[in-house]
Amino acid sequence: MTELIKPKDIQTNNSVVVINWEDGHKSIYGARDLRLRCPCAQCIDEWTGEARLDQNTVPTQVEAVEHMLVGNYAVQFLWSDVHYTGIYTFQVLRALCMCELCSSACQ
């Protein structure tokens, strides 16, 4: 089993979400990019995994207004489009990091 790397700090600034991880890594996400990857049952079909969210319904300037930790494994965001049901696991958030280091590790 791999060790779970947890966020040390999460900042929501306008259209950007910044996560500083316990291992020193820093992830910067576009808020809309995270919103479009919402893993909740309203946005993703629970049985097929198929996307249900119409991307055109998400404002281009959507922001992460608030966030809260869910247990010891995830973060839940309140988005400016009033969506809030997605629970983003730390593992998923780390996998979504598109920094140069993480992008090259995926190739």
PDB file of N, CA and C in Angstrom:
ATOM      1  N   MET A   1       0.841  -1.173   0.000  1.00  0.00           N
ATOM      2  CA  MET A   1       0.000   0.000   0.000  1.00  0.00           C
ATOM      3  C   MET A   1       0.893   1.246   0.000  1.00  0.00           C
ATOM      4  N   THR A   2       0.572   2.213  -0.865  1.00  0.00           N
ATOM      5  CA  THR A   2       1.354   3.435  -0.913  1.00  0.00           C
ATOM      6  C   THR A   2       0.898   4.393   0.181  1.00  0.00           C
ATOM      7  N   GLU A   3       1.844   5.190   0.647  1.00  0.00           N
ATOM      8  CA  GLU A   3       1.542   6.147   1.707  1.00  0.00           C
ATOM      9  C   GLU A   3       0.701   7.291   1.151  1.00  0.00           C
ATOM     10  N   LEU A   4      -0.320   7.692   1.884  1.00  0.00           N
ATOM     11  CA  LEU A   4      -1.182   8.787   1.479  1.00  0.00           C
ATOM     12  C   LEU A   4      -0.495  10.110   1.790  1.00  0.00           C
ATOM     13  N   ILE A   5      -0.270  10.905   0.752  1.00  0.00           N
ATOM     14  CA  ILE A   5       0.316  12.229   0.930  1.00  0.00           C
ATOM     15  C   ILE A   5      -0.833  13.213   1.116  1.00  0.00           C
ATOM     16  N   LYS A   6      -0.773  13.973   2.194  1.00  0.00           N
ATOM     17  CA  LYS A   6      -1.867  14.888   2.534  1.00  0.00           C
ATOM     18  C   LYS A   6      -1.472  16.335   2.255  1.00  0.00           C
ATOM     19  N   PRO A   7      -2.475  17.177   2.027  1.00  0.00           N
ATOM     20  CA  PRO A   7      -2.183  18.601   1.879  1.00  0.00           C
ATOM     21  C   PRO A   7      -1.733  19.206   3.211  1.00  0.00           C
ATOM     22  N   LYS A   8      -0.756  20.075   3.133  1.00  0.00           N
ATOM     23  CA  LYS A   8      -0.326  20.841   4.303  1.00  0.00           C
ATOM     24  C   LYS A   8      -1.130  22.136   4.380  1.00  0.00           C
ATOM     25  N   ASP A   9      -1.476  22.655   3.191  1.00  0.00           N
ATOM     26  CA  ASP A   9      -2.170  23.939   3.106  1.00  0.00           C
ATOM     27  C   ASP A   9      -2.949  23.987   1.796  1.00  0.00           C
ATOM     28  N   ILE A  10      -4.171  24.507   1.843  1.00  0.00           N
ATOM     29  CA  ILE A  10      -4.991  24.679   0.639  1.00  0.00           C
ATOM     30  C   ILE A  10      -5.432  26.134   0.582  1.00  0.00           C
ATOM     31  N   GLN A  11      -5.185  26.764  -0.560  1.00  0.00           N
ATOM     32  CA  GLN A  11      -5.573  28.162  -0.749  1.00  0.00           C
ATOM     33  C   GLN A  11      -6.492  28.263  -1.956  1.00  0.00           C
ATOM     34  N   THR A  12      -7.582  28.984  -1.801  1.00  0.00           N
ATOM     35  CA  THR A  12      -8.484  29.245  -2.923  1.00  0.00           C
ATOM     36  C   THR A  12      -8.433  30.739  -3.210  1.00  0.00           C
ATOM     37  N   ASN A  13      -7.852  31.087  -4.353  1.00  0.00           N
ATOM     38  CA  ASN A  13      -7.669  32.486  -4.743  1.00  0.00           C
ATOM     39  C   ASN A  13      -8.285  32.722  -6.107  1.00  0.00           C
ATOM     40  N   ASN A  14      -9.429  33.383  -6.131  1.00  0.00           N
ATOM     41  CA  ASN A  14     -10.108  33.695  -7.389  1.00  0.00           C
ATOM     42  C   ASN A  14     -10.286  32.445  -8.232  1.00  0.00           C
ATOM     43  N   SER A  15      -9.639  32.376  -9.373  1.00  0.00           N
ATOM     44  CA  SER A  15      -9.850  31.248 -10.278  1.00  0.00           C
ATOM     45  C   SER A  15      -8.771  30.179 -10.140  1.00  0.00           C
ATOM     46  N   VAL A  16      -8.036  30.185  -9.023  1.00  0.00           N
ATOM     47  CA  VAL A  16      -6.937  29.240  -8.824  1.00  0.00           C
ATOM     48  C   VAL A  16      -7.068  28.559  -7.460  1.00  0.00           C
ATOM     49  N   VAL A  17      -6.737  27.270  -7.435  1.00  0.00           N
ATOM     50  CA  VAL A  17      -6.644  26.516  -6.182  1.00  0.00           C
ATOM     51  C   VAL A  17      -5.195  26.060  -6.056  1.00  0.00           C
ATOM     52  N   VAL A  18      -4.569  26.386  -4.938  1.00  0.00           N
ATOM     53  CA  VAL A  18      -3.172  26.020  -4.702  1.00  0.00           C
ATOM     54  C   VAL A  18      -3.123  25.060  -3.521  1.00  0.00           C
ATOM     55  N   ILE A  19      -2.451  23.926  -3.726  1.00  0.00           N
ATOM     56  CA  ILE A  19      -2.272  22.958  -2.638  1.00  0.00           C
ATOM     57  C   ILE A  19      -0.782  22.754  -2.414  1.00  0.00           C
ATOM     58  N   ASN A  20      -0.345  23.008  -1.190  1.00  0.00           N
ATOM     59  CA  ASN A  20       1.010  22.678  -0.760  1.00  0.00           C
ATOM     60  C   ASN A  20       0.911  21.357  -0.019  1.00  0.00           C
ATOM     61  N   TRP A  21       1.638  20.355  -0.503  1.00  0.00           N
ATOM     62  CA  TRP A  21       1.556  19.007   0.045  1.00  0.00           C
ATOM     63  C   TRP A  21       2.604  18.790   1.133  1.00  0.00           C
ATOM     64  N   GLU A  22       2.360  17.806   1.988  1.00  0.00           N
ATOM     65  CA  GLU A  22       3.276  17.491   3.096  1.00  0.00           C
ATOM     66  C   GLU A  22       4.676  17.127   2.620  1.00  0.00           C
ATOM     67  N   ASP A  23       4.782  16.596   1.406  1.00  0.00           N
ATOM     68  CA  ASP A  23       6.098  16.205   0.894  1.00  0.00           C
ATOM     69  C   ASP A  23       6.833  17.362   0.219  1.00  0.00           C
ATOM     70  N   GLY A  24       6.282  18.583   0.307  1.00  0.00           N
ATOM     71  CA  GLY A  24       6.936  19.756  -0.263  1.00  0.00           C
ATOM     72  C   GLY A  24       6.487  20.104  -1.667  1.00  0.00           C
ATOM     73  N   HIS A  25       5.708  19.242  -2.292  1.00  0.00           N
ATOM     74  CA  HIS A  25       5.222  19.507  -3.649  1.00  0.00           C
ATOM     75  C   HIS A  25       4.147  20.588  -3.611  1.00  0.00           C
ATOM     76  N   LYS A  26       4.072  21.370  -4.690  1.00  0.00           N
ATOM     77  CA  LYS A  26       3.057  22.424  -4.803  1.00  0.00           C
ATOM     78  C   LYS A  26       2.270  22.193  -6.084  1.00  0.00           C
ATOM     79  N   SER A  27       0.943  22.092  -5.950  1.00  0.00           N
ATOM     80  CA  SER A  27       0.057  21.908  -7.100  1.00  0.00           C
ATOM     81  C   SER A  27      -0.778  23.167  -7.283  1.00  0.00           C
ATOM     82  N   ILE A  28      -0.878  23.614  -8.529  1.00  0.00           N
ATOM     83  CA  ILE A  28      -1.701  24.774  -8.859  1.00  0.00           C
ATOM     84  C   ILE A  28      -2.719  24.325  -9.897  1.00  0.00           C
ATOM     85  N   TYR A  29      -3.991  24.503  -9.576  1.00  0.00           N
ATOM     86  CA  TYR A  29      -5.079  24.062 -10.443  1.00  0.00           C
ATOM     87  C   TYR A  29      -5.923  25.261 -10.863  1.00  0.00           C
ATOM     88  N   GLY A  30      -6.392  25.247 -12.087  1.00  0.00           N
ATOM     89  CA  GLY A  30      -7.414  26.196 -12.486  1.00  0.00           C
ATOM     90  C   GLY A  30      -8.712  25.769 -11.820  1.00  0.00           C
ATOM     91  N   ALA A  31      -9.420  26.707 -11.209  1.00  0.00           N
ATOM     92  CA  ALA A  31     -10.654  26.355 -10.500  1.00  0.00           C
ATOM     93  C   ALA A  31     -11.653  25.682 -11.436  1.00  0.00           C
ATOM     94  N   ARG A  32     -11.792  26.195 -12.642  1.00  0.00           N
ATOM     95  CA  ARG A  32     -12.753  25.605 -13.579  1.00  0.00           C
ATOM     96  C   ARG A  32     -12.332  24.180 -13.961  1.00  0.00           C
ATOM     97  N   ASP A  33     -11.026  23.963 -14.110  1.00  0.00           N
ATOM     98  CA  ASP A  33     -10.542  22.613 -14.424  1.00  0.00           C
ATOM     99  C   ASP A  33     -10.958  21.623 -13.339  1.00  0.00           C
ATOM    100  N   LEU A  34     -10.803  22.017 -12.075  1.00  0.00           N
ATOM    101  CA  LEU A  34     -11.225  21.135 -10.977  1.00  0.00           C
ATOM    102  C   LEU A  34     -12.735  20.962 -10.959  1.00  0.00           C
ATOM    103  N   ARG A  35     -13.458  22.047 -11.168  1.00  0.00           N
ATOM    104  CA  ARG A  35     -14.929  21.972 -11.164  1.00  0.00           C
ATOM    105  C   ARG A  35     -15.422  21.016 -12.243  1.00  0.00           C
ATOM    106  N   LEU A  36     -14.793  21.062 -13.428  1.00  0.00           N
ATOM    107  CA  LEU A  36     -15.199  20.184 -14.527  1.00  0.00           C
ATOM    108  C   LEU A  36     -14.869  18.720 -14.254  1.00  0.00           C
ATOM    109  N   ARG A  37     -13.975  18.466 -13.307  1.00  0.00           N
ATOM    110  CA  ARG A  37     -13.605  17.095 -12.950  1.00  0.00           C
ATOM    111  C   ARG A  37     -14.282  16.636 -11.660  1.00  0.00           C
ATOM    112  N   CYS A  38     -15.365  17.311 -11.307  1.00  0.00           N
ATOM    113  CA  CYS A  38     -16.094  16.959 -10.088  1.00  0.00           C
ATOM    114  C   CYS A  38     -16.500  15.484 -10.129  1.00  0.00           C
ATOM    115  N   PRO A  39     -16.175  14.733  -9.068  1.00  0.00           N
ATOM    116  CA  PRO A  39     -16.461  13.300  -9.046  1.00  0.00           C
ATOM    117  C   PRO A  39     -17.823  12.913  -8.467  1.00  0.00           C
ATOM    118  N   CYS A  40     -18.711  13.879  -8.222  1.00  0.00           N
ATOM    119  CA  CYS A  40     -19.988  13.540  -7.581  1.00  0.00           C
ATOM    120  C   CYS A  40     -20.932  12.818  -8.545  1.00  0.00           C
ATOM    121  N   ALA A  41     -21.972  12.216  -7.999  1.00  0.00           N
ATOM    122  CA  ALA A  41     -22.933  11.442  -8.796  1.00  0.00           C
ATOM    123  C   ALA A  41     -23.751  12.318  -9.739  1.00  0.00           C
ATOM    124  N   GLN A  42     -23.856  13.587  -9.439  1.00  0.00           N
ATOM    125  CA  GLN A  42     -24.566  14.498 -10.339  1.00  0.00           C
ATOM    126  C   GLN A  42     -23.730  14.784 -11.595  1.00  0.00           C
ATOM    127  N   CYS A  43     -22.416  14.753 -11.451  1.00  0.00           N
ATOM    128  CA  CYS A  43     -21.520  15.083 -12.564  1.00  0.00           C
ATOM    129  C   CYS A  43     -20.981  13.856 -13.296  1.00  0.00           C
ATOM    130  N   ILE A  44     -20.905  12.728 -12.610  1.00  0.00           N
ATOM    131  CA  ILE A  44     -20.394  11.477 -13.186  1.00  0.00           C
ATOM    132  C   ILE A  44     -21.391  10.364 -12.884  1.00  0.00           C
ATOM    133  N   ASP A  45     -21.784   9.605 -13.900  1.00  0.00           N
ATOM    134  CA  ASP A  45     -22.692   8.478 -13.684  1.00  0.00           C
ATOM    135  C   ASP A  45     -22.013   7.452 -12.780  1.00  0.00           C
ATOM    136  N   GLU A  46     -22.670   7.122 -11.685  1.00  0.00           N
ATOM    137  CA  GLU A  46     -22.091   6.205 -10.697  1.00  0.00           C
ATOM    138  C   GLU A  46     -21.809   4.814 -11.243  1.00  0.00           C
ATOM    139  N   TRP A  47     -22.601   4.364 -12.187  1.00  0.00           N
ATOM    140  CA  TRP A  47     -22.484   2.993 -12.687  1.00  0.00           C
ATOM    141  C   TRP A  47     -21.553   2.875 -13.881  1.00  0.00           C
ATOM    142  N   THR A  48     -21.594   3.865 -14.771  1.00  0.00           N
ATOM    143  CA  THR A  48     -20.792   3.767 -15.994  1.00  0.00           C
ATOM    144  C   THR A  48     -19.520   4.599 -15.952  1.00  0.00           C
ATOM    145  N   GLY A  49     -19.465   5.581 -15.059  1.00  0.00           N
ATOM    146  CA  GLY A  49     -18.323   6.483 -15.017  1.00  0.00           C
ATOM    147  C   GLY A  49     -18.375   7.553 -16.098  1.00  0.00           C
ATOM    148  N   GLU A  50     -19.464   7.565 -16.852  1.00  0.00           N
ATOM    149  CA  GLU A  50     -19.626   8.524 -17.942  1.00  0.00           C
ATOM    150  C   GLU A  50     -19.947   9.915 -17.386  1.00  0.00           C
ATOM    151  N   ALA A  51     -19.357  10.930 -18.019  1.00  0.00           N
ATOM    152  CA  ALA A  51     -19.606  12.309 -17.593  1.00  0.00           C
ATOM    153  C   ALA A  51     -21.060  12.685 -17.840  1.00  0.00           C
ATOM    154  N   ARG A  52     -21.687  13.302 -16.842  1.00  0.00           N
ATOM    155  CA  ARG A  52     -23.066  13.777 -16.963  1.00  0.00           C
ATOM    156  C   ARG A  52     -23.112  15.302 -16.990  1.00  0.00           C
ATOM    157  N   LEU A  53     -22.032  15.925 -16.599  1.00  0.00           N
ATOM    158  CA  LEU A  53     -21.971  17.376 -16.513  1.00  0.00           C
ATOM    159  C   LEU A  53     -21.821  17.988 -17.901  1.00  0.00           C
ATOM    160  N   ASP A  54     -22.705  18.910 -18.240  1.00  0.00           N
ATOM    161  CA  ASP A  54     -22.580  19.678 -19.475  1.00  0.00           C
ATOM    162  C   ASP A  54     -21.600  20.813 -19.183  1.00  0.00           C
ATOM    163  N   GLN A  55     -20.419  20.749 -19.781  1.00  0.00           N
ATOM    164  CA  GLN A  55     -19.371  21.735 -19.503  1.00  0.00           C
ATOM    165  C   GLN A  55     -19.814  23.163 -19.801  1.00  0.00           C
ATOM    166  N   ASN A  56     -20.767  23.314 -20.703  1.00  0.00           N
ATOM    167  CA  ASN A  56     -21.254  24.651 -21.051  1.00  0.00           C
ATOM    168  C   ASN A  56     -22.059  25.293 -19.926  1.00  0.00           C
ATOM    169  N   THR A  57     -22.469  24.498 -18.938  1.00  0.00           N
ATOM    170  CA  THR A  57     -23.237  25.054 -17.816  1.00  0.00           C
ATOM    171  C   THR A  57     -22.337  25.580 -16.701  1.00  0.00           C
ATOM    172  N   VAL A  58     -21.042  25.322 -16.808  1.00  0.00           N
ATOM    173  CA  VAL A  58     -20.094  25.793 -15.793  1.00  0.00           C
ATOM    174  C   VAL A  58     -19.492  27.115 -16.267  1.00  0.00           C
ATOM    175  N   PRO A  59     -19.692  28.190 -15.516  1.00  0.00           N
ATOM    176  CA  PRO A  59     -19.162  29.492 -15.933  1.00  0.00           C
ATOM    177  C   PRO A  59     -17.644  29.456 -16.127  1.00  0.00           C
ATOM    178  N   THR A  60     -17.166  30.195 -17.105  1.00  0.00           N
ATOM    179  CA  THR A  60     -15.721  30.222 -17.358  1.00  0.00           C
ATOM    180  C   THR A  60     -14.958  30.822 -16.182  1.00  0.00           C
ATOM    181  N   GLN A  61     -15.602  31.666 -15.413  1.00  0.00           N
ATOM    182  CA  GLN A  61     -14.949  32.313 -14.272  1.00  0.00           C
ATOM    183  C   GLN A  61     -15.370  31.704 -12.932  1.00  0.00           C
ATOM    184  N   VAL A  62     -15.738  30.421 -12.929  1.00  0.00           N
ATOM    185  CA  VAL A  62     -16.137  29.775 -11.676  1.00  0.00           C
ATOM    186  C   VAL A  62     -14.962  29.803 -10.689  1.00  0.00           C
ATOM    187  N   GLU A  63     -15.284  29.966  -9.418  1.00  0.00           N
ATOM    188  CA  GLU A  63     -14.262  30.035  -8.377  1.00  0.00           C
ATOM    189  C   GLU A  63     -14.563  29.048  -7.257  1.00  0.00           C
ATOM    190  N   ALA A  64     -13.511  28.608  -6.596  1.00  0.00           N
ATOM    191  CA  ALA A  64     -13.672  27.828  -5.369  1.00  0.00           C
ATOM    192  C   ALA A  64     -13.832  28.845  -4.242  1.00  0.00           C
ATOM    193  N   VAL A  65     -15.044  28.958  -3.725  1.00  0.00           N
ATOM    194  CA  VAL A  65     -15.366  29.965  -2.713  1.00  0.00           C
ATOM    195  C   VAL A  65     -14.894  29.527  -1.332  1.00  0.00           C
ATOM    196  N   GLU A  66     -15.030  28.241  -1.052  1.00  0.00           N
ATOM    197  CA  GLU A  66     -14.715  27.689   0.262  1.00  0.00           C
ATOM    198  C   GLU A  66     -14.293  26.240   0.074  1.00  0.00           C
ATOM    199  N   HIS A  67     -13.605  25.704   1.065  1.00  0.00           N
ATOM    200  CA  HIS A  67     -13.264  24.281   1.040  1.00  0.00           C
ATOM    201  C   HIS A  67     -13.243  23.749   2.466  1.00  0.00           C
ATOM    202  N   MET A  68     -13.424  22.437   2.580  1.00  0.00           N
ATOM    203  CA  MET A  68     -13.311  21.798   3.891  1.00  0.00           C
ATOM    204  C   MET A  68     -12.763  20.392   3.707  1.00  0.00           C
ATOM    205  N   LEU A  69     -12.019  19.953   4.695  1.00  0.00           N
ATOM    206  CA  LEU A  69     -11.475  18.600   4.661  1.00  0.00           C
ATOM    207  C   LEU A  69     -12.583  17.606   4.961  1.00  0.00           C
ATOM    208  N   VAL A  70     -12.520  16.470   4.300  1.00  0.00           N
ATOM    209  CA  VAL A  70     -13.458  15.372   4.527  1.00  0.00           C
ATOM    210  C   VAL A  70     -12.633  14.228   5.108  1.00  0.00           C
ATOM    211  N   GLY A  71     -12.812  13.981   6.380  1.00  0.00           N
ATOM    212  CA  GLY A  71     -12.026  12.943   7.038  1.00  0.00           C
ATOM    213  C   GLY A  71     -10.542  13.214   6.878  1.00  0.00           C
ATOM    214  N   ASN A  72      -9.790  12.149   6.685  1.00  0.00           N
ATOM    215  CA  ASN A  72      -8.343  12.236   6.494  1.00  0.00           C
ATOM    216  C   ASN A  72      -7.951  11.880   5.076  1.00  0.00           C
ATOM    217  N   TYR A  73      -8.898  12.044   4.128  1.00  0.00           N
ATOM    218  CA  TYR A  73      -8.611  11.541   2.794  1.00  0.00           C
ATOM    219  C   TYR A  73      -9.067  12.428   1.640  1.00  0.00           C
ATOM    220  N   ALA A  74      -9.793  13.517   1.906  1.00  0.00           N
ATOM    221  CA  ALA A  74     -10.372  14.260   0.786  1.00  0.00           C
ATOM    222  C   ALA A  74     -10.673  15.714   1.141  1.00  0.00           C
ATOM    223  N   VAL A  75     -11.035  16.465   0.090  1.00  0.00           N
ATOM    224  CA  VAL A  75     -11.436  17.870   0.213  1.00  0.00           C
ATOM    225  C   VAL A  75     -12.750  18.050  -0.530  1.00  0.00           C
ATOM    226  N   GLN A  76     -13.613  18.874   0.034  1.00  0.00           N
ATOM    227  CA  GLN A  76     -14.871  19.226  -0.626  1.00  0.00           C
ATOM    228  C   GLN A  76     -14.865  20.736  -0.840  1.00  0.00           C
ATOM    229  N   PHE A  77     -15.193  21.161  -2.063  1.00  0.00           N
ATOM    230  CA  PHE A  77     -15.204  22.581  -2.403  1.00  0.00           C
ATOM    231  C   PHE A  77     -16.632  23.090  -2.546  1.00  0.00           C
ATOM    232  N   LEU A  78     -16.826  24.349  -2.195  1.00  0.00           N
ATOM    233  CA  LEU A  78     -18.047  25.070  -2.543  1.00  0.00           C
ATOM    234  C   LEU A  78     -17.655  25.972  -3.699  1.00  0.00           C
ATOM    235  N   TRP A  79     -18.307  25.761  -4.838  1.00  0.00           N
ATOM    236  CA  TRP A  79     -17.994  26.520  -6.046  1.00  0.00           C
ATOM    237  C   TRP A  79     -18.928  27.718  -6.175  1.00  0.00           C
ATOM    238  N   SER A  80     -18.480  28.730  -6.891  1.00  0.00           N
ATOM    239  CA  SER A  80     -19.291  29.944  -7.055  1.00  0.00           C
ATOM    240  C   SER A  80     -20.558  29.694  -7.866  1.00  0.00           C
ATOM    241  N   ASP A  81     -20.639  28.546  -8.555  1.00  0.00           N
ATOM    242  CA  ASP A  81     -21.895  28.188  -9.236  1.00  0.00           C
ATOM    243  C   ASP A  81     -22.818  27.408  -8.294  1.00  0.00           C
ATOM    244  N   VAL A  82     -22.506  27.417  -7.008  1.00  0.00           N
ATOM    245  CA  VAL A  82     -23.266  26.833  -5.906  1.00  0.00           C
ATOM    246  C   VAL A  82     -23.250  25.300  -5.917  1.00  0.00           C
ATOM    247  N   HIS A  83     -22.330  24.703  -6.636  1.00  0.00           N
ATOM    248  CA  HIS A  83     -22.174  23.252  -6.610  1.00  0.00           C
ATOM    249  C   HIS A  83     -21.246  22.915  -5.444  1.00  0.00           C
ATOM    250  N   TYR A  84     -21.546  21.834  -4.724  1.00  0.00           N
ATOM    251  CA  TYR A  84     -20.738  21.517  -3.539  1.00  0.00           C
ATOM    252  C   TYR A  84     -20.663  20.031  -3.208  1.00  0.00           C
ATOM    253  N   THR A  85     -21.210  19.157  -4.009  1.00  0.00           N
ATOM    254  CA  THR A  85     -21.317  17.752  -3.602  1.00  0.00           C
ATOM    255  C   THR A  85     -20.101  16.890  -3.954  1.00  0.00           C
ATOM    256  N   GLY A  86     -19.174  17.412  -4.705  1.00  0.00           N
ATOM    257  CA  GLY A  86     -18.008  16.614  -5.085  1.00  0.00           C
ATOM    258  C   GLY A  86     -17.007  16.467  -3.958  1.00  0.00           C
ATOM    259  N   ILE A  87     -16.550  15.254  -3.744  1.00  0.00           N
ATOM    260  CA  ILE A  87     -15.509  14.976  -2.758  1.00  0.00           C
ATOM    261  C   ILE A  87     -14.271  14.521  -3.528  1.00  0.00           C
ATOM    262  N   TYR A  88     -13.238  15.347  -3.487  1.00  0.00           N
ATOM    263  CA  TYR A  88     -11.999  15.096  -4.223  1.00  0.00           C
ATOM    264  C   TYR A  88     -10.997  14.443  -3.278  1.00  0.00           C
ATOM    265  N   THR A  89     -10.681  13.179  -3.505  1.00  0.00           N
ATOM    266  CA  THR A  89      -9.699  12.518  -2.644  1.00  0.00           C
ATOM    267  C   THR A  89      -8.326  13.139  -2.880  1.00  0.00           C
ATOM    268  N   PHE A  90      -7.470  13.047  -1.872  1.00  0.00           N
ATOM    269  CA  PHE A  90      -6.111  13.565  -2.014  1.00  0.00           C
ATOM    270  C   PHE A  90      -5.409  12.873  -3.179  1.00  0.00           C
ATOM    271  N   GLN A  91      -5.649  11.571  -3.316  1.00  0.00           N
ATOM    272  CA  GLN A  91      -5.029  10.803  -4.394  1.00  0.00           C
ATOM    273  C   GLN A  91      -5.452  11.347  -5.761  1.00  0.00           C
ATOM    274  N   VAL A  92      -6.732  11.638  -5.926  1.00  0.00           N
ATOM    275  CA  VAL A  92      -7.231  12.185  -7.193  1.00  0.00           C
ATOM    276  C   VAL A  92      -6.648  13.571  -7.440  1.00  0.00           C
ATOM    277  N   LEU A  93      -6.640  14.417  -6.414  1.00  0.00           N
ATOM    278  CA  LEU A  93      -6.085  15.762  -6.582  1.00  0.00           C
ATOM    279  C   LEU A  93      -4.618  15.711  -6.989  1.00  0.00           C
ATOM    280  N   ARG A  94      -3.875  14.826  -6.372  1.00  0.00           N
ATOM    281  CA  ARG A  94      -2.451  14.711  -6.721  1.00  0.00           C
ATOM    282  C   ARG A  94      -2.303  14.224  -8.159  1.00  0.00           C
ATOM    283  N   ALA A  95      -3.153  13.302  -8.571  1.00  0.00           N
ATOM    284  CA  ALA A  95      -3.096  12.789  -9.947  1.00  0.00           C
ATOM    285  C   ALA A  95      -3.484  13.857 -10.969  1.00  0.00           C
ATOM    286  N   LEU A  96      -4.309  14.814 -10.570  1.00  0.00           N
ATOM    287  CA  LEU A  96      -4.730  15.885 -11.475  1.00  0.00           C
ATOM    288  C   LEU A  96      -3.696  16.999 -11.606  1.00  0.00           C
ATOM    289  N   CYS A  97      -2.645  16.960 -10.801  1.00  0.00           N
ATOM    290  CA  CYS A  97      -1.608  17.988 -10.873  1.00  0.00           C
ATOM    291  C   CYS A  97      -0.949  17.936 -12.250  1.00  0.00           C
ATOM    292  N   MET A  98      -0.880  19.096 -12.897  1.00  0.00           N
ATOM    293  CA  MET A  98      -0.322  19.164 -14.248  1.00  0.00           C
ATOM    294  C   MET A  98       0.997  19.934 -14.295  1.00  0.00           C
ATOM    295  N   CYS A  99       1.686  20.027 -13.158  1.00  0.00           N
ATOM    296  CA  CYS A  99       2.983  20.703 -13.163  1.00  0.00           C
ATOM    297  C   CYS A  99       3.948  19.907 -14.041  1.00  0.00           C
ATOM    298  N   GLU A 100       5.052  20.510 -14.375  1.00  0.00           N
ATOM    299  CA  GLU A 100       6.019  19.870 -15.267  1.00  0.00           C
ATOM    300  C   GLU A 100       6.500  18.529 -14.713  1.00  0.00           C
ATOM    301  N   LEU A 101       6.786  18.481 -13.429  1.00  0.00           N
ATOM    302  CA  LEU A 101       7.262  17.249 -12.798  1.00  0.00           C
ATOM    303  C   LEU A 101       6.222  16.135 -12.890  1.00  0.00           C
ATOM    304  N   CYS A 102       4.979  16.444 -12.530  1.00  0.00           N
ATOM    305  CA  CYS A 102       3.920  15.437 -12.552  1.00  0.00           C
ATOM    306  C   CYS A 102       3.554  15.036 -13.979  1.00  0.00           C
ATOM    307  N   SER A 103       3.547  15.991 -14.887  1.00  0.00           N
ATOM    308  CA  SER A 103       3.224  15.691 -16.287  1.00  0.00           C
ATOM    309  C   SER A 103       4.253  14.755 -16.899  1.00  0.00           C
ATOM    310  N   SER A 104       5.528  14.978 -16.607  1.00  0.00           N
ATOM    311  CA  SER A 104       6.567  14.115 -17.171  1.00  0.00           C
ATOM    312  C   SER A 104       6.544  12.734 -16.532  1.00  0.00           C
ATOM    313  N   ALA A 105       6.110  12.637 -15.276  1.00  0.00           N
ATOM    314  CA  ALA A 105       6.016  11.340 -14.597  1.00  0.00           C
ATOM    315  C   ALA A 105       4.909  10.483 -15.188  1.00  0.00           C
ATOM    316  N   CYS A 106       3.888  11.133 -15.775  1.00  0.00           N
ATOM    317  CA  CYS A 106       2.756  10.407 -16.356  1.00  0.00           C
ATOM    318  C   CYS A 106       3.065   9.882 -17.750  1.00  0.00           C
ATOM    319  N   GLN A 107       4.135  10.348 -18.355  1.00  0.00           N
ATOM    320  CA  GLN A 107       4.433   9.946 -19.742  1.00  0.00           C
ATOM    321  C   GLN A 107       5.333   8.756 -19.807  1.00  0.00           C
TER     322      GLN A 107
END
